[in-house]
């Protein structure tokens, strides 16, 4: 069951091949159960924005598009605490 949910667009830094750009990430942040956080997001960018060539195969029969969509789904839980040894 979702306890809290926040939807928004956040600027994020993306670095590919040594080139850094700020991209907008559409994200949904959900706090689920007691100790469970979920982030679901996506962004779009162009390969040419990072000076990456568009690839082709079989003498140009198959080509990649310039626009790329990246989707992410992250889950987070609290870090496990380690027991300290007594001296």
PDB file of N, CA and C in Angstrom:
ATOM      1  N   UNK A   1       0.838  -1.180   0.000  1.00  0.00           N
ATOM      2  CA  UNK A   1       0.000   0.000   0.000  1.00  0.00           C
ATOM      3  C   UNK A   1       0.884   1.243   0.000  1.00  0.00           C
ATOM      4  N   UNK A   2       0.593   2.187  -0.858  1.00  0.00           N
ATOM      5  CA  UNK A   2       1.374   3.409  -0.944  1.00  0.00           C
ATOM      6  C   UNK A   2       0.987   4.361   0.177  1.00  0.00           C
ATOM      7  N   UNK A   3       1.980   4.830   0.915  1.00  0.00           N
ATOM      8  CA  UNK A   3       1.751   5.769   2.004  1.00  0.00           C
ATOM      9  C   UNK A   3       1.835   7.199   1.484  1.00  0.00           C
ATOM     10  N   UNK A   4       2.911   7.514   0.776  1.00  0.00           N
ATOM     11  CA  UNK A   4       3.143   8.866   0.246  1.00  0.00           C
ATOM     12  C   UNK A   4       3.616   8.723  -1.188  1.00  0.00           C
ATOM     13  N   UNK A   5       3.142   9.600  -2.059  1.00  0.00           N
ATOM     14  CA  UNK A   5       3.604   9.575  -3.441  1.00  0.00           C
ATOM     15  C   UNK A   5       3.812  10.999  -3.924  1.00  0.00           C
ATOM     16  N   UNK A   6       4.944  11.241  -4.592  1.00  0.00           N
ATOM     17  CA  UNK A   6       5.240  12.566  -5.113  1.00  0.00           C
ATOM     18  C   UNK A   6       5.655  12.431  -6.568  1.00  0.00           C
ATOM     19  N   UNK A   7       5.059  13.242  -7.430  1.00  0.00           N
ATOM     20  CA  UNK A   7       5.341  13.221  -8.857  1.00  0.00           C
ATOM     21  C   UNK A   7       6.006  14.534  -9.217  1.00  0.00           C
ATOM     22  N   UNK A   8       7.033  14.481 -10.055  1.00  0.00           N
ATOM     23  CA  UNK A   8       7.673  15.726 -10.452  1.00  0.00           C
ATOM     24  C   UNK A   8       8.709  15.547 -11.528  1.00  0.00           C
ATOM     25  N   UNK A   9       9.243  16.657 -11.972  1.00  0.00           N
ATOM     26  CA  UNK A   9      10.322  16.686 -12.955  1.00  0.00           C
ATOM     27  C   UNK A   9      11.530  17.275 -12.251  1.00  0.00           C
ATOM     28  N   UNK A  10      12.625  16.553 -12.320  1.00  0.00           N
ATOM     29  CA  UNK A  10      13.823  16.986 -11.611  1.00  0.00           C
ATOM     30  C   UNK A  10      15.000  17.075 -12.577  1.00  0.00           C
ATOM     31  N   UNK A  11      15.781  18.149 -12.505  1.00  0.00           N
ATOM     32  CA  UNK A  11      16.994  18.205 -13.332  1.00  0.00           C
ATOM     33  C   UNK A  11      18.063  17.288 -12.737  1.00  0.00           C
ATOM     34  N   UNK A  12      18.693  16.494 -13.585  1.00  0.00           N
ATOM     35  CA  UNK A  12      19.748  15.571 -13.152  1.00  0.00           C
ATOM     36  C   UNK A  12      20.943  15.709 -14.081  1.00  0.00           C
ATOM     37  N   UNK A  13      22.113  15.405 -13.559  1.00  0.00           N
ATOM     38  CA  UNK A  13      23.342  15.471 -14.343  1.00  0.00           C
ATOM     39  C   UNK A  13      23.618  14.092 -14.929  1.00  0.00           C
ATOM     40  N   UNK A  14      23.816  14.029 -16.237  1.00  0.00           N
ATOM     41  CA  UNK A  14      24.114  12.791 -16.940  1.00  0.00           C
ATOM     42  C   UNK A  14      25.442  12.962 -17.659  1.00  0.00           C
ATOM     43  N   UNK A  15      26.345  12.012 -17.452  1.00  0.00           N
ATOM     44  CA  UNK A  15      27.652  12.067 -18.114  1.00  0.00           C
ATOM     45  C   UNK A  15      27.844  10.806 -18.937  1.00  0.00           C
ATOM     46  N   UNK A  16      28.110  10.991 -20.227  1.00  0.00           N
ATOM     47  CA  UNK A  16      28.357   9.882 -21.144  1.00  0.00           C
ATOM     48  C   UNK A  16      29.580  10.231 -21.970  1.00  0.00           C
ATOM     49  N   UNK A  17      30.548   9.344 -21.978  1.00  0.00           N
ATOM     50  CA  UNK A  17      31.747   9.557 -22.790  1.00  0.00           C
ATOM     51  C   UNK A  17      32.494  10.829 -22.450  1.00  0.00           C
ATOM     52  N   UNK A  18      32.464  11.236 -21.193  1.00  0.00           N
ATOM     53  CA  UNK A  18      33.179  12.427 -20.770  1.00  0.00           C
ATOM     54  C   UNK A  18      32.431  13.731 -21.021  1.00  0.00           C
ATOM     55  N   UNK A  19      31.250  13.656 -21.597  1.00  0.00           N
ATOM     56  CA  UNK A  19      30.446  14.856 -21.847  1.00  0.00           C
ATOM     57  C   UNK A  19      29.307  14.890 -20.837  1.00  0.00           C
ATOM     58  N   UNK A  20      29.153  16.020 -20.169  1.00  0.00           N
ATOM     59  CA  UNK A  20      28.156  16.171 -19.123  1.00  0.00           C
ATOM     60  C   UNK A  20      27.049  17.104 -19.578  1.00  0.00           C
ATOM     61  N   UNK A  21      25.814  16.672 -19.360  1.00  0.00           N
ATOM     62  CA  UNK A  21      24.646  17.479 -19.690  1.00  0.00           C
ATOM     63  C   UNK A  21      23.650  17.373 -18.542  1.00  0.00           C
ATOM     64  N   UNK A  22      22.801  18.388 -18.402  1.00  0.00           N
ATOM     65  CA  UNK A  22      21.698  18.345 -17.457  1.00  0.00           C
ATOM     66  C   UNK A  22      20.462  17.894 -18.227  1.00  0.00           C
ATOM     67  N   UNK A  23      19.817  16.843 -17.733  1.00  0.00           N
ATOM     68  CA  UNK A  23      18.613  16.336 -18.376  1.00  0.00           C
ATOM     69  C   UNK A  23      17.463  16.392 -17.370  1.00  0.00           C
ATOM     70  N   UNK A  24      16.248  16.499 -17.877  1.00  0.00           N
ATOM     71  CA  UNK A  24      15.066  16.494 -17.013  1.00  0.00           C
ATOM     72  C   UNK A  24      14.585  15.061 -16.853  1.00  0.00           C
ATOM     73  N   UNK A  25      14.388  14.651 -15.605  1.00  0.00           N
ATOM     74  CA  UNK A  25      13.915  13.305 -15.304  1.00  0.00           C
ATOM     75  C   UNK A  25      12.503  13.398 -14.735  1.00  0.00           C
ATOM     76  N   UNK A  26      11.567  12.728 -15.378  1.00  0.00           N
ATOM     77  CA  UNK A  26      10.213  12.595 -14.851  1.00  0.00           C
ATOM     78  C   UNK A  26      10.272  11.496 -13.802  1.00  0.00           C
ATOM     79  N   UNK A  27       9.854  11.803 -12.587  1.00  0.00           N
ATOM     80  CA  UNK A  27      10.002  10.820 -11.516  1.00  0.00           C
ATOM     81  C   UNK A  27       8.770  10.749 -10.632  1.00  0.00           C
ATOM     82  N   UNK A  28       8.541   9.549 -10.124  1.00  0.00           N
ATOM     83  CA  UNK A  28       7.516   9.309  -9.114  1.00  0.00           C
ATOM     84  C   UNK A  28       8.227   8.691  -7.922  1.00  0.00           C
ATOM     85  N   UNK A  29       8.127   9.343  -6.780  1.00  0.00           N
ATOM     86  CA  UNK A  29       8.730   8.864  -5.538  1.00  0.00           C
ATOM     87  C   UNK A  29       7.607   8.333  -4.654  1.00  0.00           C
ATOM     88  N   UNK A  30       7.706   7.074  -4.284  1.00  0.00           N
ATOM     89  CA  UNK A  30       6.667   6.450  -3.462  1.00  0.00           C
ATOM     90  C   UNK A  30       7.286   5.857  -2.207  1.00  0.00           C
ATOM     91  N   UNK A  31       6.692   6.164  -1.079  1.00  0.00           N
ATOM     92  CA  UNK A  31       7.082   5.513   0.166  1.00  0.00           C
ATOM     93  C   UNK A  31       6.082   4.385   0.368  1.00  0.00           C
ATOM     94  N   UNK A  32       6.582   3.172   0.377  1.00  0.00           N
ATOM     95  CA  UNK A  32       5.710   2.007   0.467  1.00  0.00           C
ATOM     96  C   UNK A  32       6.028   1.236   1.737  1.00  0.00           C
ATOM     97  N   UNK A  33       4.986   0.731   2.352  1.00  0.00           N
ATOM     98  CA  UNK A  33       5.121  -0.012   3.613  1.00  0.00           C
ATOM     99  C   UNK A  33       5.864   0.844   4.627  1.00  0.00           C
ATOM    100  N   UNK A  34       6.626   0.211   5.516  1.00  0.00           N
ATOM    101  CA  UNK A  34       7.298   0.959   6.577  1.00  0.00           C
ATOM    102  C   UNK A  34       8.703   1.400   6.164  1.00  0.00           C
ATOM    103  N   UNK A  35       9.451   0.497   5.579  1.00  0.00           N
ATOM    104  CA  UNK A  35      10.865   0.760   5.276  1.00  0.00           C
ATOM    105  C   UNK A  35      11.171   0.524   3.804  1.00  0.00           C
ATOM    106  N   UNK A  36      10.351   1.020   2.926  1.00  0.00           N
ATOM    107  CA  UNK A  36      10.496   0.693   1.511  1.00  0.00           C
ATOM    108  C   UNK A  36      10.217   1.931   0.676  1.00  0.00           C
ATOM    109  N   UNK A  37      11.192   2.359  -0.109  1.00  0.00           N
ATOM    110  CA  UNK A  37      11.083   3.544  -0.951  1.00  0.00           C
ATOM    111  C   UNK A  37      11.243   3.113  -2.406  1.00  0.00           C
ATOM    112  N   UNK A  38      10.393   3.630  -3.280  1.00  0.00           N
ATOM    113  CA  UNK A  38      10.482   3.293  -4.699  1.00  0.00           C
ATOM    114  C   UNK A  38      10.568   4.574  -5.515  1.00  0.00           C
ATOM    115  N   UNK A  39      11.496   4.589  -6.477  1.00  0.00           N
ATOM    116  CA  UNK A  39      11.632   5.701  -7.408  1.00  0.00           C
ATOM    117  C   UNK A  39      11.475   5.140  -8.815  1.00  0.00           C
ATOM    118  N   UNK A  40      10.519   5.669  -9.556  1.00  0.00           N
ATOM    119  CA  UNK A  40      10.254   5.240 -10.924  1.00  0.00           C
ATOM    120  C   UNK A  40      10.402   6.472 -11.807  1.00  0.00           C
ATOM    121  N   UNK A  41      11.294   6.418 -12.779  1.00  0.00           N
ATOM    122  CA  UNK A  41      11.521   7.609 -13.593  1.00  0.00           C
ATOM    123  C   UNK A  41      11.962   7.303 -15.005  1.00  0.00           C
ATOM    124  N   UNK A  42      11.949   8.330 -15.832  1.00  0.00           N
ATOM    125  CA  UNK A  42      12.450   8.195 -17.196  1.00  0.00           C
ATOM    126  C   UNK A  42      12.924   9.549 -17.706  1.00  0.00           C
ATOM    127  N   UNK A  43      13.782   9.483 -18.709  1.00  0.00           N
ATOM    128  CA  UNK A  43      14.278  10.687 -19.365  1.00  0.00           C
ATOM    129  C   UNK A  43      14.547  10.364 -20.827  1.00  0.00           C
ATOM    130  N   UNK A  44      14.581  11.392 -21.638  1.00  0.00           N
ATOM    131  CA  UNK A  44      14.914  11.258 -23.066  1.00  0.00           C
ATOM    132  C   UNK A  44      16.036  12.239 -23.391  1.00  0.00           C
ATOM    133  N   UNK A  45      16.925  11.804 -24.256  1.00  0.00           N
ATOM    134  CA  UNK A  45      17.972  12.688 -24.736  1.00  0.00           C
ATOM    135  C   UNK A  45      18.398  12.217 -26.122  1.00  0.00           C
ATOM    136  N   UNK A  46      19.204  13.016 -26.778  1.00  0.00           N
ATOM    137  CA  UNK A  46      19.690  12.669 -28.120  1.00  0.00           C
ATOM    138  C   UNK A  46      21.150  12.227 -28.043  1.00  0.00           C
ATOM    139  N   UNK A  47      21.487  11.219 -28.821  1.00  0.00           N
ATOM    140  CA  UNK A  47      22.870  10.751 -28.883  1.00  0.00           C
ATOM    141  C   UNK A  47      23.799  11.870 -29.319  1.00  0.00           C
ATOM    142  N   UNK A  48      23.341  12.705 -30.237  1.00  0.00           N
ATOM    143  CA  UNK A  48      24.175  13.790 -30.742  1.00  0.00           C
ATOM    144  C   UNK A  48      24.473  14.847 -29.680  1.00  0.00           C
ATOM    145  N   UNK A  49      23.629  14.918 -28.620  1.00  0.00           N
ATOM    146  CA  UNK A  49      23.912  15.846 -27.515  1.00  0.00           C
ATOM    147  C   UNK A  49      25.194  15.460 -26.781  1.00  0.00           C
ATOM    148  N   UNK A  50      25.580  14.188 -26.880  1.00  0.00           N
ATOM    149  CA  UNK A  50      26.782  13.688 -26.218  1.00  0.00           C
ATOM    150  C   UNK A  50      27.865  13.320 -27.235  1.00  0.00           C
ATOM    151  N   UNK A  51      27.749  13.864 -28.437  1.00  0.00           N
ATOM    152  CA  UNK A  51      28.698  13.610 -29.529  1.00  0.00           C
ATOM    153  C   UNK A  51      28.867  12.123 -29.822  1.00  0.00           C
ATOM    154  N   UNK A  52      27.783  11.353 -29.670  1.00  0.00           N
ATOM    155  CA  UNK A  52      27.813   9.931 -29.978  1.00  0.00           C
ATOM    156  C   UNK A  52      27.250   9.717 -31.376  1.00  0.00           C
ATOM    157  N   UNK A  53      27.920   8.902 -32.176  1.00  0.00           N
ATOM    158  CA  UNK A  53      27.419   8.670 -33.530  1.00  0.00           C
ATOM    159  C   UNK A  53      26.213   7.743 -33.520  1.00  0.00           C
ATOM    160  N   UNK A  54      25.351   7.920 -34.482  1.00  0.00           N
ATOM    161  CA  UNK A  54      24.244   6.979 -34.678  1.00  0.00           C
ATOM    162  C   UNK A  54      24.810   5.781 -35.420  1.00  0.00           C
ATOM    163  N   UNK A  55      24.618   4.609 -34.888  1.00  0.00           N
ATOM    164  CA  UNK A  55      25.180   3.382 -35.469  1.00  0.00           C
ATOM    165  C   UNK A  55      24.258   2.816 -36.546  1.00  0.00           C
ATOM    166  N   UNK A  56      24.858   2.095 -37.469  1.00  0.00           N
ATOM    167  CA  UNK A  56      24.088   1.375 -38.477  1.00  0.00           C
ATOM    168  C   UNK A  56      24.767   0.033 -38.748  1.00  0.00           C
ATOM    169  N   UNK A  57      23.967  -0.935 -39.224  1.00  0.00           N
ATOM    170  CA  UNK A  57      24.474  -2.269 -39.527  1.00  0.00           C
ATOM    171  C   UNK A  57      24.004  -2.666 -40.914  1.00  0.00           C
ATOM    172  N   UNK A  58      24.692  -3.644 -41.481  1.00  0.00           N
ATOM    173  CA  UNK A  58      24.353  -4.182 -42.797  1.00  0.00           C
ATOM    174  C   UNK A  58      24.229  -3.084 -43.848  1.00  0.00           C
ATOM    175  N   UNK A  59      25.297  -2.309 -43.955  1.00  0.00           N
ATOM    176  CA  UNK A  59      25.388  -1.249 -44.972  1.00  0.00           C
ATOM    177  C   UNK A  59      24.252  -0.244 -44.894  1.00  0.00           C
ATOM    178  N   UNK A  60      23.848   0.088 -43.666  1.00  0.00           N
ATOM    179  CA  UNK A  60      22.814   1.097 -43.465  1.00  0.00           C
ATOM    180  C   UNK A  60      21.396   0.567 -43.465  1.00  0.00           C
ATOM    181  N   UNK A  61      21.234  -0.751 -43.592  1.00  0.00           N
ATOM    182  CA  UNK A  61      19.889  -1.320 -43.584  1.00  0.00           C
ATOM    183  C   UNK A  61      19.215  -1.126 -42.232  1.00  0.00           C
ATOM    184  N   UNK A  62      19.980  -1.251 -41.135  1.00  0.00           N
ATOM    185  CA  UNK A  62      19.474  -1.033 -39.788  1.00  0.00           C
ATOM    186  C   UNK A  62      20.208   0.161 -39.192  1.00  0.00           C
ATOM    187  N   UNK A  63      19.450   1.122 -38.661  1.00  0.00           N
ATOM    188  CA  UNK A  63      20.040   2.326 -38.077  1.00  0.00           C
ATOM    189  C   UNK A  63      19.440   2.592 -36.705  1.00  0.00           C
ATOM    190  N   UNK A  64      20.234   3.205 -35.827  1.00  0.00           N
ATOM    191  CA  UNK A  64      19.705   3.625 -34.533  1.00  0.00           C
ATOM    192  C   UNK A  64      19.104   5.016 -34.685  1.00  0.00           C
ATOM    193  N   UNK A  65      18.116   5.295 -33.848  1.00  0.00           N
ATOM    194  CA  UNK A  65      17.536   6.633 -33.833  1.00  0.00           C
ATOM    195  C   UNK A  65      18.413   7.535 -32.979  1.00  0.00           C
ATOM    196  N   UNK A  66      18.282   8.826 -33.189  1.00  0.00           N
ATOM    197  CA  UNK A  66      19.053   9.796 -32.415  1.00  0.00           C
ATOM    198  C   UNK A  66      18.505   9.919 -30.994  1.00  0.00           C
ATOM    199  N   UNK A  67      17.194   9.780 -30.827  1.00  0.00           N
ATOM    200  CA  UNK A  67      16.593   9.933 -29.506  1.00  0.00           C
ATOM    201  C   UNK A  67      16.656   8.616 -28.731  1.00  0.00           C
ATOM    202  N   UNK A  68      17.040   8.721 -27.456  1.00  0.00           N
ATOM    203  CA  UNK A  68      17.146   7.573 -26.559  1.00  0.00           C
ATOM    204  C   UNK A  68      16.242   7.828 -25.358  1.00  0.00           C
ATOM    205  N   UNK A  69      15.546   6.790 -24.915  1.00  0.00           N
ATOM    206  CA  UNK A  69      14.743   6.893 -23.695  1.00  0.00           C
ATOM    207  C   UNK A  69      15.351   5.938 -22.668  1.00  0.00           C
ATOM    208  N   UNK A  70      15.611   6.479 -21.473  1.00  0.00           N
ATOM    209  CA  UNK A  70      16.159   5.680 -20.377  1.00  0.00           C
ATOM    210  C   UNK A  70      15.102   5.609 -19.284  1.00  0.00           C
ATOM    211  N   UNK A  71      14.827   4.415 -18.808  1.00  0.00           N
ATOM    212  CA  UNK A  71      13.842   4.217 -17.739  1.00  0.00           C
ATOM    213  C   UNK A  71      14.549   3.606 -16.551  1.00  0.00           C
ATOM    214  N   UNK A  72      14.206   4.089 -15.358  1.00  0.00           N
ATOM    215  CA  UNK A  72      14.812   3.542 -14.149  1.00  0.00           C
ATOM    216  C   UNK A  72      13.743   3.210 -13.133  1.00  0.00           C
ATOM    217  N   UNK A  73      14.014   2.168 -12.377  1.00  0.00           N
ATOM    218  CA  UNK A  73      13.149   1.755 -11.286  1.00  0.00           C
ATOM    219  C   UNK A  73      14.059   1.339 -10.141  1.00  0.00           C
ATOM    220  N   UNK A  74      14.032   2.106  -9.061  1.00  0.00           N
ATOM    221  CA  UNK A  74      14.918   1.871  -7.918  1.00  0.00           C
ATOM    222  C   UNK A  74      14.097   1.580  -6.676  1.00  0.00           C
ATOM    223  N   UNK A  75      14.605   0.675  -5.856  1.00  0.00           N
ATOM    224  CA  UNK A  75      14.016   0.392  -4.550  1.00  0.00           C
ATOM    225  C   UNK A  75      15.067   0.632  -3.498  1.00  0.00           C
ATOM    226  N   UNK A  76      14.675   1.213  -2.407  1.00  0.00           N
ATOM    227  CA  UNK A  76      15.616   1.482  -1.318  1.00  0.00           C
ATOM    228  C   UNK A  76      15.012   1.025  -0.002  1.00  0.00           C
ATOM    229  N   UNK A  77      15.869   0.444   0.826  1.00  0.00           N
ATOM    230  CA  UNK A  77      15.501   0.049   2.176  1.00  0.00           C
ATOM    231  C   UNK A  77      16.599   0.545   3.107  1.00  0.00           C
ATOM    232  N   UNK A  78      16.327   0.652   4.399  1.00  0.00           N
ATOM    233  CA  UNK A  78      17.377   1.089   5.313  1.00  0.00           C
ATOM    234  C   UNK A  78      18.561   0.129   5.297  1.00  0.00           C
ATOM    235  N   UNK A  79      19.747   0.682   5.478  1.00  0.00           N
ATOM    236  CA  UNK A  79      20.956  -0.144   5.521  1.00  0.00           C
ATOM    237  C   UNK A  79      20.918  -1.011   6.770  1.00  0.00           C
ATOM    238  N   UNK A  80      21.437  -2.214   6.633  1.00  0.00           N
ATOM    239  CA  UNK A  80      21.488  -3.112   7.785  1.00  0.00           C
ATOM    240  C   UNK A  80      22.560  -2.630   8.750  1.00  0.00           C
ATOM    241  N   UNK A  81      22.239  -2.626  10.016  1.00  0.00           N
ATOM    242  CA  UNK A  81      23.220  -2.218  11.020  1.00  0.00           C
ATOM    243  C   UNK A  81      24.066  -3.428  11.399  1.00  0.00           C
ATOM    244  N   UNK A  82      25.354  -3.182  11.563  1.00  0.00           N
ATOM    245  CA  UNK A  82      26.253  -4.274  11.949  1.00  0.00           C
ATOM    246  C   UNK A  82      26.484  -4.206  13.448  1.00  0.00           C
ATOM    247  N   UNK A  83      26.635  -5.352  14.049  1.00  0.00           N
ATOM    248  CA  UNK A  83      26.895  -5.420  15.474  1.00  0.00           C
ATOM    249  C   UNK A  83      28.371  -5.124  15.722  1.00  0.00           C
ATOM    250  N   UNK A  84      28.661  -4.294  16.721  1.00  0.00           N
ATOM    251  CA  UNK A  84      30.050  -3.982  17.063  1.00  0.00           C
ATOM    252  C   UNK A  84      30.578  -5.022  18.009  1.00  0.00           C
ATOM    253  N   UNK A  85      31.776  -5.486  17.762  1.00  0.00           N
ATOM    254  CA  UNK A  85      32.412  -6.484  18.635  1.00  0.00           C
ATOM    255  C   UNK A  85      32.909  -5.827  19.911  1.00  0.00           C
ATOM    256  N   UNK A  86      32.699  -6.486  21.017  1.00  0.00           N
ATOM    257  CA  UNK A  86      33.189  -5.973  22.310  1.00  0.00           C
ATOM    258  C   UNK A  86      34.650  -6.324  22.480  1.00  0.00           C
ATOM    259  N   UNK A  87      35.430  -5.401  23.025  1.00  0.00           N
ATOM    260  CA  UNK A  87      36.853  -5.650  23.223  1.00  0.00           C
ATOM    261  C   UNK A  87      37.110  -6.230  24.575  1.00  0.00           C
TER     262      UNK A  87
END
